[in-house]
Structure formats: C-alpha cells, structure tokens
Amino acid sequence: MKKIVFLTAAILLTAGVFAQKTAFINTETIFRSIPEYTAALTQIDQLAQEEQARVDADFARIAEMYERYQYQRSGLSETARRQVEDNIIKLEDEATQKQAAFFGPEGTLMQRRIELLKPIQDRVFQTIDRIAQEQGYDMITDISNNPSIVYYNRELDITQVIVSAL
C-alpha cells in the first residue's frame, strides 16, 4: 500500500513539474534591438573615453614632473626635494581621487549609466513580465551570458516576441 501511495505521489509531482510552462529569452538581443539603449551605451562609452583621456593626461603630466625631478634631484636642496616630492604626491593623489570619483562604483559614470539605462531596462522587464503573465509562463530563463545552460529548445525562445512587443 505504501508503495502505491509513494508511486502515485511521485507521478503527480513529476507531472506537476512537466506541466510548468517555461521559455527562454536573450536579453542581450532584446536590449541591442532598442535604438535608445544602443545610443545610451554609445553616449556612456564616449563619456568614459573623454574622462579617461583627461585622467591619462593628468598622469602623463605627473610622470613628466617626476622625470624632471629625477633629472634635477641632485642639484636641489633637501627642502626643495621634499617640496617637489610632496607636490608630485599631492597631484598624484588628486588625480587618483578624481579618477575614482568618476569611474568608481558610486562615481559619475555609474550614476549616468543608471540614469540612461534604468528606464529602458525597466520597460524591457515590465514587457517580459506582462508577456509571461499573458501567455502563462511559469519561468523565463535568460540565455545570454549564461554558461550553465548547455541546451535549450529554440522553439521555447520568445526573444522575438519580447522585441516585437517593445
């Protein structure tokens, strides 16, 4: 009797698992299909390149000052050497702080990235949620950059449905 109850429960649980409706999407494809998203990425990249050029120029100027100091060091007094060294260290610290303030996790670039991309991401995820509810999906898995998915049935890929809905 216990075997029959256990077997029946196992069959019902297995049937319940297989009854779930799942789909796959590729968010990378979805986001790349949105012109505002690619334009925002281009703007962010350009902003990062411009700031990186300024940072590189600051560090190049500091390196040049250090080379000049190395050349003149033997002719400077102890006080003058210390003053030049302190100035170089101060400039280097300022440049590093400026770099961190722009490129850091709470920096200007990240804030700009959030400002530009979050509304687009919210729209995409709301669309995914709406379609999942409308079509009765229990689970939607993102296959972009997911090394743990070894195989999926391409018929279950609803990426183009999401792109069309956007």
N, C-alpha and C. Protein backbone atom coordinates (compact mmCIF):
# COMPACT_ATOMS: atom_id res chain seq x y z
N MET A 1 0.82 -1.19 0.00
CA MET A 1 0.00 0.00 0.00
C MET A 1 0.87 1.26 0.00
N LYS A 2 1.92 1.24 0.85
CA LYS A 2 2.82 2.39 0.91
C LYS A 2 3.48 2.63 -0.44
N LYS A 3 3.82 1.56 -1.14
CA LYS A 3 4.46 1.69 -2.46
C LYS A 3 3.50 2.35 -3.44
N ILE A 4 2.25 2.03 -3.40
CA ILE A 4 1.28 2.60 -4.34
C ILE A 4 1.10 4.10 -4.05
N VAL A 5 0.99 4.46 -2.78
CA VAL A 5 0.84 5.87 -2.41
C VAL A 5 2.09 6.64 -2.83
N PHE A 6 3.25 6.11 -2.56
CA PHE A 6 4.51 6.76 -2.92
C PHE A 6 4.62 6.90 -4.43
N LEU A 7 4.30 5.87 -5.18
CA LEU A 7 4.36 5.89 -6.64
C LEU A 7 3.38 6.91 -7.20
N THR A 8 2.19 6.96 -6.65
CA THR A 8 1.18 7.92 -7.10
C THR A 8 1.66 9.35 -6.83
N ALA A 9 2.20 9.59 -5.64
CA ALA A 9 2.71 10.91 -5.30
C ALA A 9 3.85 11.31 -6.23
N ALA A 10 4.75 10.39 -6.51
CA ALA A 10 5.88 10.67 -7.40
C ALA A 10 5.39 11.00 -8.80
N ILE A 11 4.40 10.28 -9.30
CA ILE A 11 3.86 10.55 -10.64
C ILE A 11 3.20 11.92 -10.67
N LEU A 12 2.43 12.26 -9.65
CA LEU A 12 1.77 13.56 -9.61
C LEU A 12 2.77 14.70 -9.52
N LEU A 13 3.81 14.53 -8.71
CA LEU A 13 4.83 15.56 -8.61
C LEU A 13 5.58 15.73 -9.92
N THR A 14 5.90 14.61 -10.55
CA THR A 14 6.60 14.66 -11.84
C THR A 14 5.72 15.33 -12.88
N ALA A 15 4.46 14.99 -12.91
CA ALA A 15 3.53 15.60 -13.86
C ALA A 15 3.43 17.10 -13.61
N GLY A 16 3.42 17.48 -12.33
CA GLY A 16 3.36 18.91 -11.99
C GLY A 16 4.58 19.67 -12.47
N VAL A 17 5.74 19.04 -12.36
CA VAL A 17 6.97 19.68 -12.83
C VAL A 17 6.94 19.85 -14.33
N PHE A 18 6.51 18.83 -15.05
CA PHE A 18 6.49 18.90 -16.51
C PHE A 18 5.37 19.79 -17.02
N ALA A 19 4.39 20.06 -16.19
CA ALA A 19 3.29 20.91 -16.61
C ALA A 19 3.65 22.38 -16.58
N GLN A 20 4.77 22.71 -15.98
CA GLN A 20 5.18 24.11 -15.94
C GLN A 20 5.53 24.58 -17.33
N LYS A 21 5.11 25.78 -17.63
CA LYS A 21 5.38 26.35 -18.94
C LYS A 21 6.60 27.26 -18.81
N THR A 22 7.65 26.93 -19.55
CA THR A 22 8.89 27.71 -19.48
C THR A 22 9.23 28.27 -20.85
N ALA A 23 10.06 29.31 -20.82
CA ALA A 23 10.53 29.92 -22.06
C ALA A 23 11.94 30.45 -21.82
N PHE A 24 12.58 30.79 -22.91
CA PHE A 24 13.93 31.34 -22.86
C PHE A 24 13.94 32.67 -23.59
N ILE A 25 14.77 33.58 -23.11
CA ILE A 25 14.98 34.85 -23.80
C ILE A 25 16.47 35.16 -23.82
N ASN A 26 16.85 36.01 -24.73
CA ASN A 26 18.22 36.50 -24.80
C ASN A 26 18.15 38.01 -24.58
N THR A 27 18.39 38.45 -23.36
CA THR A 27 18.26 39.87 -23.05
C THR A 27 19.26 40.73 -23.83
N GLU A 28 20.39 40.15 -24.15
CA GLU A 28 21.37 40.91 -24.94
C GLU A 28 20.77 41.27 -26.30
N THR A 29 20.13 40.30 -26.95
CA THR A 29 19.47 40.55 -28.23
C THR A 29 18.35 41.57 -28.07
N ILE A 30 17.59 41.44 -27.01
CA ILE A 30 16.47 42.36 -26.76
C ILE A 30 16.99 43.78 -26.60
N PHE A 31 17.98 43.96 -25.73
CA PHE A 31 18.48 45.32 -25.49
C PHE A 31 19.14 45.90 -26.74
N ARG A 32 19.86 45.08 -27.50
CA ARG A 32 20.51 45.58 -28.72
C ARG A 32 19.51 45.97 -29.80
N SER A 33 18.27 45.48 -29.68
CA SER A 33 17.25 45.82 -30.68
C SER A 33 16.59 47.16 -30.39
N ILE A 34 16.90 47.76 -29.25
CA ILE A 34 16.29 49.03 -28.85
C ILE A 34 17.26 50.16 -29.16
N PRO A 35 16.91 51.02 -30.12
CA PRO A 35 17.82 52.09 -30.52
C PRO A 35 18.25 53.00 -29.36
N GLU A 36 17.33 53.30 -28.43
CA GLU A 36 17.67 54.17 -27.31
C GLU A 36 18.76 53.52 -26.43
N TYR A 37 18.72 52.21 -26.32
CA TYR A 37 19.70 51.50 -25.50
C TYR A 37 21.09 51.61 -26.13
N THR A 38 21.18 51.33 -27.44
CA THR A 38 22.49 51.41 -28.09
C THR A 38 23.00 52.85 -28.12
N ALA A 39 22.09 53.82 -28.26
CA ALA A 39 22.50 55.23 -28.23
C ALA A 39 23.02 55.60 -26.84
N ALA A 40 22.37 55.10 -25.80
CA ALA A 40 22.80 55.38 -24.43
C ALA A 40 24.18 54.75 -24.17
N LEU A 41 24.37 53.52 -24.64
CA LEU A 41 25.69 52.88 -24.47
C LEU A 41 26.78 53.66 -25.20
N THR A 42 26.47 54.15 -26.37
CA THR A 42 27.43 54.95 -27.14
C THR A 42 27.77 56.22 -26.38
N GLN A 43 26.76 56.86 -25.81
CA GLN A 43 26.97 58.09 -25.04
C GLN A 43 27.82 57.81 -23.80
N ILE A 44 27.55 56.72 -23.12
CA ILE A 44 28.31 56.35 -21.92
C ILE A 44 29.76 56.04 -22.29
N ASP A 45 29.96 55.29 -23.37
CA ASP A 45 31.32 54.97 -23.82
C ASP A 45 32.10 56.23 -24.19
N GLN A 46 31.44 57.15 -24.87
CA GLN A 46 32.10 58.39 -25.26
C GLN A 46 32.47 59.21 -24.03
N LEU A 47 31.57 59.28 -23.07
CA LEU A 47 31.85 59.99 -21.83
C LEU A 47 33.03 59.36 -21.10
N ALA A 48 33.07 58.03 -21.05
CA ALA A 48 34.17 57.32 -20.38
C ALA A 48 35.50 57.57 -21.10
N GLN A 49 35.47 57.54 -22.43
CA GLN A 49 36.70 57.78 -23.19
C GLN A 49 37.23 59.19 -22.98
N GLU A 50 36.33 60.17 -22.95
CA GLU A 50 36.74 61.56 -22.74
C GLU A 50 37.37 61.74 -21.36
N GLU A 51 36.73 61.15 -20.35
CA GLU A 51 37.27 61.28 -18.99
C GLU A 51 38.58 60.52 -18.86
N GLN A 52 38.67 59.35 -19.50
CA GLN A 52 39.91 58.57 -19.43
C GLN A 52 41.05 59.34 -20.08
N ALA A 53 40.76 60.07 -21.15
CA ALA A 53 41.78 60.89 -21.79
C ALA A 53 42.27 61.98 -20.84
N ARG A 54 41.34 62.58 -20.08
CA ARG A 54 41.74 63.62 -19.11
C ARG A 54 42.58 63.00 -17.99
N VAL A 55 42.17 61.83 -17.51
CA VAL A 55 42.93 61.15 -16.45
C VAL A 55 44.32 60.79 -16.95
N ASP A 56 44.38 60.24 -18.16
CA ASP A 56 45.68 59.87 -18.75
C ASP A 56 46.58 61.11 -18.89
N ALA A 57 45.99 62.23 -19.28
CA ALA A 57 46.77 63.46 -19.41
C ALA A 57 47.30 63.91 -18.05
N ASP A 58 46.47 63.80 -17.02
CA ASP A 58 46.92 64.16 -15.67
C ASP A 58 48.10 63.29 -15.24
N PHE A 59 47.98 61.98 -15.43
CA PHE A 59 49.06 61.08 -15.01
C PHE A 59 50.31 61.26 -15.88
N ALA A 60 50.13 61.60 -17.14
CA ALA A 60 51.28 61.86 -18.01
C ALA A 60 52.02 63.12 -17.54
N ARG A 61 51.25 64.13 -17.14
CA ARG A 61 51.86 65.37 -16.62
C ARG A 61 52.63 65.08 -15.33
N ILE A 62 52.05 64.23 -14.48
CA ILE A 62 52.71 63.87 -13.22
C ILE A 62 53.98 63.07 -13.50
N ALA A 63 53.92 62.15 -14.45
CA ALA A 63 55.10 61.36 -14.80
C ALA A 63 56.20 62.25 -15.36
N GLU A 64 55.81 63.24 -16.15
CA GLU A 64 56.78 64.18 -16.70
C GLU A 64 57.43 65.00 -15.58
N MET A 65 56.61 65.42 -14.62
CA MET A 65 57.16 66.17 -13.47
C MET A 65 58.15 65.29 -12.69
N TYR A 66 57.83 64.02 -12.53
CA TYR A 66 58.69 63.12 -11.79
C TYR A 66 60.01 62.90 -12.53
N GLU A 67 59.94 62.75 -13.84
CA GLU A 67 61.17 62.58 -14.63
C GLU A 67 62.05 63.83 -14.53
N ARG A 68 61.42 65.00 -14.60
CA ARG A 68 62.17 66.25 -14.47
C ARG A 68 62.80 66.33 -13.08
N TYR A 69 62.05 65.92 -12.08
CA TYR A 69 62.56 65.90 -10.71
C TYR A 69 63.76 64.95 -10.59
N GLN A 70 63.66 63.78 -11.18
CA GLN A 70 64.77 62.82 -11.12
C GLN A 70 66.02 63.42 -11.76
N TYR A 71 65.85 64.14 -12.83
CA TYR A 71 66.98 64.76 -13.52
C TYR A 71 67.59 65.88 -12.67
N GLN A 72 66.75 66.66 -11.99
CA GLN A 72 67.21 67.82 -11.22
C GLN A 72 67.50 67.50 -9.75
N ARG A 73 67.17 66.34 -9.31
CA ARG A 73 67.22 65.97 -7.89
C ARG A 73 68.58 66.25 -7.23
N SER A 74 69.62 65.88 -7.89
CA SER A 74 70.94 66.03 -7.27
C SER A 74 71.31 67.50 -7.05
N GLY A 75 70.74 68.41 -7.82
CA GLY A 75 71.06 69.83 -7.68
C GLY A 75 70.14 70.57 -6.72
N LEU A 76 69.15 69.87 -6.14
CA LEU A 76 68.19 70.54 -5.25
C LEU A 76 68.58 70.33 -3.80
N SER A 77 68.21 71.30 -2.99
CA SER A 77 68.44 71.16 -1.54
C SER A 77 67.42 70.16 -0.98
N GLU A 78 67.66 69.71 0.23
CA GLU A 78 66.76 68.76 0.88
C GLU A 78 65.34 69.32 0.98
N THR A 79 65.24 70.59 1.32
CA THR A 79 63.94 71.25 1.44
C THR A 79 63.23 71.31 0.09
N ALA A 80 63.98 71.69 -0.95
CA ALA A 80 63.40 71.77 -2.30
C ALA A 80 62.98 70.38 -2.79
N ARG A 81 63.81 69.37 -2.51
CA ARG A 81 63.47 67.99 -2.92
C ARG A 81 62.16 67.56 -2.25
N ARG A 82 62.08 67.78 -0.96
CA ARG A 82 60.88 67.38 -0.21
C ARG A 82 59.64 68.11 -0.74
N GLN A 83 59.80 69.39 -1.06
CA GLN A 83 58.68 70.19 -1.57
C GLN A 83 58.20 69.64 -2.93
N VAL A 84 59.14 69.34 -3.81
CA VAL A 84 58.78 68.80 -5.12
C VAL A 84 58.13 67.42 -4.96
N GLU A 85 58.72 66.59 -4.11
CA GLU A 85 58.15 65.25 -3.87
C GLU A 85 56.73 65.35 -3.33
N ASP A 86 56.53 66.24 -2.35
CA ASP A 86 55.19 66.42 -1.77
C ASP A 86 54.20 66.91 -2.83
N ASN A 87 54.66 67.79 -3.68
CA ASN A 87 53.79 68.31 -4.75
C ASN A 87 53.41 67.19 -5.72
N ILE A 88 54.36 66.37 -6.10
CA ILE A 88 54.08 65.25 -7.01
C ILE A 88 53.11 64.27 -6.36
N ILE A 89 53.34 63.94 -5.11
CA ILE A 89 52.45 63.01 -4.40
C ILE A 89 51.04 63.60 -4.28
N LYS A 90 50.97 64.88 -3.99
CA LYS A 90 49.67 65.56 -3.87
C LYS A 90 48.92 65.50 -5.20
N LEU A 91 49.61 65.82 -6.28
CA LEU A 91 48.97 65.79 -7.60
C LEU A 91 48.54 64.38 -7.98
N GLU A 92 49.36 63.40 -7.63
CA GLU A 92 49.03 62.01 -7.92
C GLU A 92 47.78 61.58 -7.13
N ASP A 93 47.72 61.97 -5.87
CA ASP A 93 46.54 61.65 -5.04
C ASP A 93 45.28 62.31 -5.61
N GLU A 94 45.40 63.56 -6.00
CA GLU A 94 44.26 64.27 -6.57
C GLU A 94 43.77 63.59 -7.85
N ALA A 95 44.71 63.20 -8.70
CA ALA A 95 44.34 62.53 -9.95
C ALA A 95 43.66 61.19 -9.67
N THR A 96 44.18 60.46 -8.70
CA THR A 96 43.59 59.17 -8.34
C THR A 96 42.19 59.36 -7.77
N GLN A 97 42.02 60.36 -6.92
CA GLN A 97 40.69 60.65 -6.35
C GLN A 97 39.71 61.07 -7.44
N LYS A 98 40.18 61.87 -8.37
CA LYS A 98 39.33 62.32 -9.47
C LYS A 98 38.91 61.12 -10.33
N GLN A 99 39.85 60.23 -10.56
CA GLN A 99 39.56 59.02 -11.34
C GLN A 99 38.52 58.15 -10.61
N ALA A 100 38.70 57.97 -9.32
CA ALA A 100 37.76 57.16 -8.53
C ALA A 100 36.38 57.82 -8.47
N ALA A 101 36.35 59.14 -8.37
CA ALA A 101 35.07 59.85 -8.30
C ALA A 101 34.29 59.70 -9.60
N PHE A 102 34.97 59.50 -10.69
CA PHE A 102 34.28 59.34 -11.98
C PHE A 102 34.00 57.88 -12.29
N PHE A 103 35.03 57.03 -12.15
CA PHE A 103 34.91 55.64 -12.58
C PHE A 103 34.52 54.66 -11.46
N GLY A 104 34.50 55.10 -10.24
CA GLY A 104 34.20 54.21 -9.11
C GLY A 104 32.77 53.70 -9.12
N PRO A 105 32.47 52.75 -8.23
CA PRO A 105 31.14 52.15 -8.19
C PRO A 105 30.02 53.15 -7.87
N GLU A 106 30.35 54.22 -7.19
CA GLU A 106 29.37 55.27 -6.88
C GLU A 106 29.67 56.54 -7.68
N GLY A 107 30.52 56.41 -8.68
CA GLY A 107 31.01 57.56 -9.42
C GLY A 107 30.04 58.13 -10.44
N THR A 108 30.48 59.19 -11.03
CA THR A 108 29.68 59.92 -12.02
C THR A 108 29.28 59.04 -13.19
N LEU A 109 30.21 58.21 -13.67
CA LEU A 109 29.90 57.36 -14.81
C LEU A 109 28.80 56.36 -14.46
N MET A 110 28.88 55.75 -13.29
CA MET A 110 27.85 54.79 -12.89
C MET A 110 26.50 55.48 -12.71
N GLN A 111 26.51 56.68 -12.15
CA GLN A 111 25.25 57.42 -11.98
C GLN A 111 24.64 57.75 -13.34
N ARG A 112 25.47 58.13 -14.28
CA ARG A 112 24.98 58.45 -15.63
C ARG A 112 24.45 57.19 -16.31
N ARG A 113 25.15 56.09 -16.11
CA ARG A 113 24.73 54.80 -16.68
C ARG A 113 23.34 54.42 -16.15
N ILE A 114 23.16 54.55 -14.84
CA ILE A 114 21.86 54.24 -14.23
C ILE A 114 20.79 55.17 -14.78
N GLU A 115 21.11 56.43 -14.86
CA GLU A 115 20.17 57.44 -15.34
C GLU A 115 19.71 57.14 -16.77
N LEU A 116 20.62 56.72 -17.62
CA LEU A 116 20.27 56.48 -19.02
C LEU A 116 19.66 55.09 -19.27
N LEU A 117 20.17 54.08 -18.58
CA LEU A 117 19.76 52.70 -18.91
C LEU A 117 18.61 52.17 -18.07
N LYS A 118 18.46 52.63 -16.85
CA LYS A 118 17.43 52.07 -15.97
C LYS A 118 16.02 52.19 -16.55
N PRO A 119 15.62 53.33 -17.12
CA PRO A 119 14.26 53.40 -17.68
C PRO A 119 14.05 52.38 -18.82
N ILE A 120 15.07 52.16 -19.60
CA ILE A 120 14.97 51.19 -20.70
C ILE A 120 14.88 49.78 -20.13
N GLN A 121 15.72 49.48 -19.15
CA GLN A 121 15.69 48.16 -18.51
C GLN A 121 14.35 47.91 -17.85
N ASP A 122 13.82 48.91 -17.17
CA ASP A 122 12.51 48.76 -16.53
C ASP A 122 11.44 48.45 -17.56
N ARG A 123 11.48 49.14 -18.68
CA ARG A 123 10.49 48.91 -19.75
C ARG A 123 10.60 47.48 -20.28
N VAL A 124 11.82 47.01 -20.49
CA VAL A 124 12.03 45.64 -21.00
C VAL A 124 11.50 44.62 -20.00
N PHE A 125 11.87 44.78 -18.73
CA PHE A 125 11.45 43.79 -17.73
C PHE A 125 9.95 43.83 -17.48
N GLN A 126 9.34 45.00 -17.60
CA GLN A 126 7.88 45.08 -17.49
C GLN A 126 7.21 44.36 -18.66
N THR A 127 7.79 44.49 -19.85
CA THR A 127 7.26 43.81 -21.02
C THR A 127 7.40 42.30 -20.88
N ILE A 128 8.54 41.85 -20.40
CA ILE A 128 8.77 40.42 -20.16
C ILE A 128 7.74 39.90 -19.16
N ASP A 129 7.55 40.65 -18.09
CA ASP A 129 6.59 40.25 -17.05
C ASP A 129 5.17 40.18 -17.62
N ARG A 130 4.80 41.18 -18.40
CA ARG A 130 3.46 41.22 -18.99
C ARG A 130 3.24 40.03 -19.92
N ILE A 131 4.20 39.75 -20.78
CA ILE A 131 4.07 38.63 -21.71
C ILE A 131 4.05 37.30 -20.97
N ALA A 132 4.86 37.18 -19.94
CA ALA A 132 4.87 35.96 -19.13
C ALA A 132 3.50 35.72 -18.51
N GLN A 133 2.90 36.77 -18.01
CA GLN A 133 1.57 36.62 -17.40
C GLN A 133 0.50 36.35 -18.45
N GLU A 134 0.56 37.08 -19.58
CA GLU A 134 -0.44 36.89 -20.64
C GLU A 134 -0.39 35.48 -21.22
N GLN A 135 0.82 34.95 -21.40
CA GLN A 135 0.97 33.65 -22.05
C GLN A 135 1.12 32.51 -21.06
N GLY A 136 1.04 32.81 -19.77
CA GLY A 136 1.02 31.78 -18.75
C GLY A 136 2.35 31.08 -18.50
N TYR A 137 3.45 31.80 -18.66
CA TYR A 137 4.75 31.19 -18.38
C TYR A 137 5.00 31.15 -16.88
N ASP A 138 5.49 30.03 -16.41
CA ASP A 138 5.86 29.89 -15.01
C ASP A 138 7.30 30.34 -14.78
N MET A 139 8.11 30.24 -15.83
CA MET A 139 9.52 30.60 -15.69
C MET A 139 10.06 31.02 -17.06
N ILE A 140 10.83 32.10 -17.04
CA ILE A 140 11.54 32.55 -18.24
C ILE A 140 13.00 32.65 -17.85
N THR A 141 13.86 31.99 -18.61
CA THR A 141 15.29 31.96 -18.32
C THR A 141 16.04 32.78 -19.37
N ASP A 142 16.97 33.60 -18.89
CA ASP A 142 17.81 34.40 -19.78
C ASP A 142 19.01 33.55 -20.22
N ILE A 143 19.18 33.38 -21.52
CA ILE A 143 20.28 32.54 -22.03
C ILE A 143 21.52 33.35 -22.40
N SER A 144 21.44 34.67 -22.34
CA SER A 144 22.61 35.46 -22.68
C SER A 144 23.63 35.37 -21.55
N ASN A 145 24.85 35.10 -21.93
CA ASN A 145 25.96 35.03 -20.97
C ASN A 145 25.70 34.08 -19.81
N ASN A 146 25.01 32.99 -20.08
CA ASN A 146 24.72 32.02 -19.02
C ASN A 146 25.43 30.71 -19.35
N PRO A 147 26.59 30.48 -18.74
CA PRO A 147 27.36 29.29 -19.08
C PRO A 147 26.76 27.99 -18.56
N SER A 148 25.76 28.07 -17.69
CA SER A 148 25.21 26.84 -17.12
C SER A 148 24.12 26.21 -17.99
N ILE A 149 23.63 26.92 -18.98
CA ILE A 149 22.63 26.33 -19.88
C ILE A 149 23.39 25.67 -21.02
N VAL A 150 23.28 24.35 -21.07
CA VAL A 150 24.02 23.59 -22.07
C VAL A 150 23.18 23.40 -23.33
N TYR A 151 21.90 23.26 -23.15
CA TYR A 151 21.00 23.07 -24.28
C TYR A 151 19.64 23.66 -23.93
N TYR A 152 18.99 24.19 -24.95
CA TYR A 152 17.60 24.60 -24.79
C TYR A 152 16.92 24.45 -26.14
N ASN A 153 15.64 24.20 -26.11
CA ASN A 153 14.86 24.03 -27.32
C ASN A 153 14.57 25.42 -27.89
N ARG A 154 15.03 25.67 -29.08
CA ARG A 154 14.88 27.00 -29.69
C ARG A 154 13.40 27.38 -29.89
N GLU A 155 12.53 26.39 -29.92
CA GLU A 155 11.09 26.68 -30.04
C GLU A 155 10.56 27.38 -28.79
N LEU A 156 11.26 27.26 -27.68
CA LEU A 156 10.84 27.89 -26.43
C LEU A 156 11.43 29.28 -26.27
N ASP A 157 12.21 29.74 -27.25
CA ASP A 157 12.85 31.05 -27.20
C ASP A 157 11.83 32.11 -27.63
N ILE A 158 11.47 33.01 -26.73
CA ILE A 158 10.48 34.04 -27.03
C ILE A 158 11.12 35.42 -27.14
N THR A 159 12.40 35.46 -27.44
CA THR A 159 13.11 36.74 -27.56
C THR A 159 12.43 37.65 -28.57
N GLN A 160 12.09 37.12 -29.72
CA GLN A 160 11.47 37.97 -30.77
C GLN A 160 10.08 38.44 -30.37
N VAL A 161 9.39 37.67 -29.56
CA VAL A 161 8.09 38.11 -29.05
C VAL A 161 8.27 39.36 -28.19
N ILE A 162 9.29 39.34 -27.34
CA ILE A 162 9.59 40.47 -26.48
C ILE A 162 10.01 41.68 -27.32
N VAL A 163 10.89 41.44 -28.31
CA VAL A 163 11.35 42.53 -29.18
C VAL A 163 10.17 43.16 -29.89
N SER A 164 9.29 42.32 -30.43
CA SER A 164 8.10 42.83 -31.14
C SER A 164 7.18 43.61 -30.20
N ALA A 165 7.05 43.14 -28.98
CA ALA A 165 6.17 43.81 -28.02
C ALA A 165 6.71 45.18 -27.59
N LEU A 166 8.02 45.32 -27.65
CA LEU A 166 8.60 46.61 -27.27
C LEU A 166 8.40 47.63 -28.38
